[in-house]
Protein backbone atom coordinates (compact mmCIF):
# COMPACT_ATOMS: atom_id res chain seq x y z
CA MET A 1 -47.58 -107.52 -2.81
CA ILE A 2 -46.69 -110.89 -1.50
CA THR A 3 -49.84 -113.25 -1.21
CA SER A 4 -50.53 -115.61 1.37
CA LYS A 5 -49.69 -118.74 -0.94
CA GLN A 6 -46.15 -116.96 -1.82
CA ARG A 7 -45.67 -116.29 1.88
CA GLU A 8 -46.18 -119.97 2.91
CA GLU A 9 -43.60 -121.01 0.21
CA LEU A 10 -41.21 -118.30 1.44
CA LYS A 11 -41.53 -119.21 4.78
CA LYS A 12 -39.95 -122.65 3.76
CA TYR A 13 -36.55 -120.92 3.28
CA LEU A 14 -36.62 -117.84 5.26
CA GLY A 15 -36.75 -119.22 8.87
CA ARG A 16 -37.93 -117.21 11.64
CA HIS A 17 -35.30 -114.40 11.73
CA TYR A 18 -35.41 -113.29 8.00
CA ALA A 19 -35.51 -109.62 8.57
CA THR A 20 -31.87 -109.37 9.39
CA GLY A 21 -30.97 -110.98 6.23
CA VAL A 22 -33.25 -108.80 4.20
CA LEU A 23 -32.04 -105.61 5.90
CA LYS A 24 -28.51 -106.80 5.03
CA ILE A 25 -29.45 -107.04 1.19
CA LEU A 26 -31.04 -103.61 1.17
CA LYS A 27 -28.02 -102.21 2.82
CA GLU A 28 -25.75 -103.94 0.20
CA GLN A 29 -27.82 -102.68 -2.58
CA GLY A 30 -28.00 -99.01 -1.07
CA VAL A 31 -31.57 -98.98 -0.87
CA LYS A 32 -33.05 -96.57 1.66
CA LYS A 33 -36.21 -94.86 2.46
CA LEU A 34 -37.13 -91.54 0.72
CA ASN A 35 -35.88 -89.67 3.73
CA GLY A 36 -32.53 -91.40 3.56
CA ASP A 37 -33.01 -93.72 6.49
CA ASP A 38 -32.39 -97.42 6.35
CA TYR A 39 -35.34 -99.62 6.50
CA THR A 40 -36.34 -101.25 9.65
CA ALA A 41 -37.13 -105.09 10.61
CA GLY A 42 -40.71 -103.92 11.23
CA SER A 43 -40.88 -102.59 7.54
CA VAL A 44 -39.78 -105.84 6.28
CA ARG A 45 -42.04 -107.90 8.38
CA ASN A 46 -44.96 -105.56 7.55
CA VAL A 47 -44.10 -106.00 3.63
CA PHE A 48 -43.79 -110.10 4.10
CA ALA A 49 -47.05 -110.21 5.96
CA GLY A 50 -48.67 -108.23 2.97
CA GLN A 51 -49.64 -105.09 5.36
CA HIS A 52 -47.62 -102.78 3.14
CA GLU A 53 -46.30 -102.70 -0.35
CA ASN A 54 -42.81 -101.80 -1.19
CA ARG A 55 -41.06 -103.34 -4.29
CA ALA A 56 -37.61 -102.74 -2.92
CA ILE A 57 -38.27 -104.75 0.08
CA GLU A 58 -40.19 -107.32 -1.64
CA GLY A 59 -37.36 -107.83 -4.23
CA ALA A 60 -34.88 -108.18 -1.21
CA ILE A 61 -37.13 -110.71 0.29
CA TYR A 62 -37.03 -112.76 -2.64
CA ASP A 63 -33.30 -112.32 -3.12
CA TYR A 64 -32.75 -113.54 0.57
CA ALA A 65 -35.05 -116.49 -0.02
CA ASN A 66 -33.36 -117.57 -3.07
CA GLU A 67 -29.90 -117.25 -1.15
CA LYS A 68 -31.58 -119.50 1.55
CA LYS A 69 -32.89 -121.80 -1.11
CA ILE A 70 -29.60 -122.36 -2.71
CA GLU A 71 -27.97 -122.90 0.72
CA THR A 72 -30.65 -125.49 1.62
CA LYS A 73 -30.14 -127.34 -1.61
CA ASN A 74 -26.35 -127.41 -1.20
CA LEU A 75 -26.64 -128.71 2.33
CA GLU A 76 -29.17 -131.51 1.15
CA GLN A 77 -26.53 -132.60 -1.47
CA LYS A 78 -23.85 -132.67 1.14
CA LYS A 79 -25.99 -134.73 3.21
CA GLY A 80 -26.82 -137.15 0.58
CA GLN A 81 -23.29 -137.43 -0.52
CA PHE A 82 -22.10 -138.13 3.16
CA PHE A 83 -24.68 -141.05 3.68
CA ARG A 84 -23.86 -142.50 0.45
CA ASN A 85 -20.16 -142.60 1.44
CA GLU A 86 -21.11 -143.71 4.89
CA LYS A 87 -23.07 -146.78 3.43
CA ARG A 88 -20.12 -147.72 1.39
CA VAL A 89 -17.89 -147.73 4.22
CA ASP A 90 -20.31 -149.74 6.23
CA GLN A 91 -20.57 -152.56 3.55
């Protein structure tokens, strides 16, 4: 189960519309409910909020958060590279 402390850390990377990304990962992994239906955005939000426990959804949430964390890190590196180069041009 995702704790409140973990939830706060995850929010830094997930943003507001994280459920769509998590559902995409679940679909790519072929994860479905016991009845064969796809999970819903509501199911993802409930697990994220700690209202329900579901290891498959929780795993997909962490997978998505890791993807977003890497994207953020790469963007920060590009920004740093850009501004370092800009300073050299201005000098």
